[in-house]
Protein backbone atom coordinates (compact mmCIF):
# COMPACT_ATOMS: atom_id res chain seq x y z
CA MET A 1 -11.42 -11.57 -7.50
CA LEU A 2 -14.71 -9.30 -7.27
CA PRO A 3 -15.58 -6.76 -9.76
CA ASN A 4 -15.19 -3.62 -6.89
CA ALA A 5 -12.21 -5.43 -5.77
CA ARG A 6 -10.76 -5.24 -9.26
CA ALA A 7 -11.75 -1.39 -9.47
CA TRP A 8 -10.21 -0.32 -6.07
CA LEU A 9 -6.89 -2.46 -7.15
CA VAL A 10 -7.03 -0.64 -10.44
CA LEU A 11 -7.31 2.48 -8.73
CA GLY A 12 -4.73 1.65 -6.49
CA LEU A 13 -2.04 0.60 -9.31
CA LEU A 14 -3.14 4.05 -11.03
CA ALA A 15 -2.33 6.03 -8.14
CA ALA A 16 0.81 4.24 -7.15
CA SER A 17 2.76 4.85 -10.93
CA ALA A 18 0.13 8.04 -11.69
CA CYS A 19 3.66 9.89 -11.05
CA LYS A 20 5.90 7.73 -13.10
CA GLY A 21 6.91 10.00 -15.73
CA GLU A 22 6.68 13.58 -14.10
CA ALA A 23 9.47 13.70 -11.95
CA ALA A 24 13.32 12.87 -12.53
CA ALA A 25 14.40 12.36 -9.01
CA PRO A 26 12.44 11.38 -5.85
CA THR A 27 10.96 14.58 -3.98
CA GLY A 28 10.88 15.53 -0.78
CA PRO A 29 11.51 13.03 2.48
CA ALA A 30 9.46 10.05 2.64
CA ALA A 31 6.43 10.45 4.61
CA LYS A 32 5.45 7.30 6.75
CA TYR A 33 1.76 6.16 8.07
CA ARG A 34 0.67 3.24 9.86
CA VAL A 35 -2.39 1.03 9.13
CA ARG A 36 -3.73 -2.28 9.51
CA VAL A 37 -4.19 -4.35 6.27
CA GLN A 38 -5.08 -7.91 4.83
CA VAL A 39 -3.35 -9.27 2.47
CA GLU A 40 -5.22 -10.39 -0.68
CA SER A 41 -2.43 -11.29 -2.94
CA ILE A 42 1.74 -10.91 -3.92
CA GLU A 43 2.99 -10.38 -7.41
CA GLY A 44 6.19 -10.72 -8.89
CA THR A 45 9.54 -11.17 -7.21
CA GLY A 46 12.91 -9.21 -5.83
CA GLU A 47 12.17 -5.19 -6.89
CA ASN A 48 9.78 -5.81 -8.78
CA ALA A 49 7.28 -7.43 -6.02
CA ARG A 50 3.84 -5.93 -5.08
CA VAL A 51 1.41 -7.21 -2.23
CA VAL A 52 -1.73 -6.07 -2.93
CA LEU A 53 -3.81 -5.22 0.18
CA SER A 54 -7.04 -4.30 1.56
CA HIS A 55 -6.30 -1.18 4.01
CA GLU A 56 -8.26 0.72 6.61
CA ALA A 57 -8.72 4.20 6.23
CA VAL A 58 -5.10 5.88 6.60
CA GLU A 59 -5.25 9.05 8.86
CA GLY A 60 -3.21 12.23 8.44
CA PHE A 61 -2.36 11.01 4.93
CA LYS A 62 -1.06 13.98 2.85
CA ASP A 63 -1.00 14.15 -1.32
CA ARG A 64 1.99 15.42 -3.32
CA ASP A 65 1.80 18.75 -2.71
CA GLY A 66 1.58 18.31 1.04
CA LYS A 67 -2.17 18.71 1.71
CA ALA A 68 -4.32 16.86 3.49
CA ALA A 69 -5.94 14.24 1.86
CA THR A 70 -8.40 11.39 2.35
CA MET A 71 -7.07 7.71 1.74
CA PRO A 72 -10.40 5.98 2.84
CA ALA A 73 -10.39 2.10 3.17
CA MET A 74 -9.55 0.78 -0.13
CA MET A 75 -7.73 -1.96 -1.89
CA MET A 76 -4.16 -1.14 -3.84
CA ALA A 77 -0.74 -2.60 -4.53
CA PHE A 78 2.45 -1.71 -2.00
CA GLY A 79 5.99 -1.79 -3.15
CA ILE A 80 7.45 -3.80 -0.65
CA ALA A 81 11.16 -2.53 1.02
CA PRO A 82 14.30 -4.75 0.77
CA GLU A 83 14.42 -5.13 4.42
CA VAL A 84 10.71 -6.56 4.76
CA ASN A 85 10.15 -10.33 4.33
CA ALA A 86 7.86 -10.57 1.56
CA GLY A 87 7.51 -14.00 2.06
CA ALA A 88 5.30 -13.12 5.26
CA PHE A 89 2.58 -11.80 3.17
CA ASN A 90 -0.01 -14.41 2.44
CA PRO A 91 -3.46 -14.18 0.96
CA GLY A 92 -5.71 -13.82 4.09
CA THR A 93 -2.91 -13.06 6.90
CA LYS A 94 -3.77 -9.63 8.70
CA HIS A 95 -0.94 -7.33 9.30
CA GLU A 96 0.00 -3.67 10.59
CA ILE A 97 2.06 -2.07 8.33
CA GLU A 98 4.32 1.21 8.04
CA PHE A 99 4.50 2.29 4.68
CA ASP A 100 6.39 5.02 3.12
CA VAL A 101 5.25 7.42 0.54
CA VAL A 102 8.04 9.21 -1.57
CA TRP A 103 6.68 11.41 -4.49
CA GLY A 104 8.50 10.38 -8.09
CA ARG A 105 9.71 6.97 -7.11
CA GLU A 106 8.62 3.68 -8.32
CA PRO A 107 7.00 2.36 -6.32
CA THR A 108 5.22 5.75 -4.90
CA ILE A 109 4.16 3.82 -1.60
CA ARG A 110 6.11 1.35 -0.38
CA VAL A 111 5.66 -1.34 2.69
CA THR A 112 8.70 -0.59 4.99
CA GLU A 113 7.71 -2.91 8.31
CA ALA A 114 5.12 -5.39 8.81
CA LYS A 115 4.02 -6.86 11.74
CA LEU A 116 1.49 -10.28 11.72
CA LEU A 117 -1.34 -9.68 13.25
CA PRO A 118 -3.54 -12.10 14.95
CA ASN A 119 -6.48 -13.91 12.11
CA ASP A 120 -9.67 -13.09 14.47
CA THR A 121 -8.54 -9.20 14.21
CA ALA A 122 -10.97 -7.19 13.40
CA LEU A 123 -10.65 -5.12 10.26
CA THR A 124 -12.56 -1.91 8.97
CA LEU A 125 -11.99 -2.85 5.13
CA PRO A 126 -13.65 -1.64 2.10
CA PRO A 127 -16.88 -3.76 0.53
CA ARG A 128 -16.49 -6.43 -1.50
């Protein structure tokens, strides 16, 4: 993994786990977003599985306080909902995903749907 990619991965992991000790239970309804991604790697199995994705900028993202926030294109780890086939995430494949965000849940950010895209789909991803 290249140095910049590693930095984005670390930032994504920190963001996803930042609230781990702050809330006793998930807060508020899940916010849902759609974005196109490229799979970098998959780690763990079952409930502990995480897929590391490079994703395009996420439009309309809201922070923990419900305020509009910028989520630029970056590489980060996502949890995988039980109904999603983790086996479909092979390094280099491209997908359109839906993910949800529930502050106070572990993982905070989780893929809830995934649709495989053609390999030649052009994505606007972070520099490597």
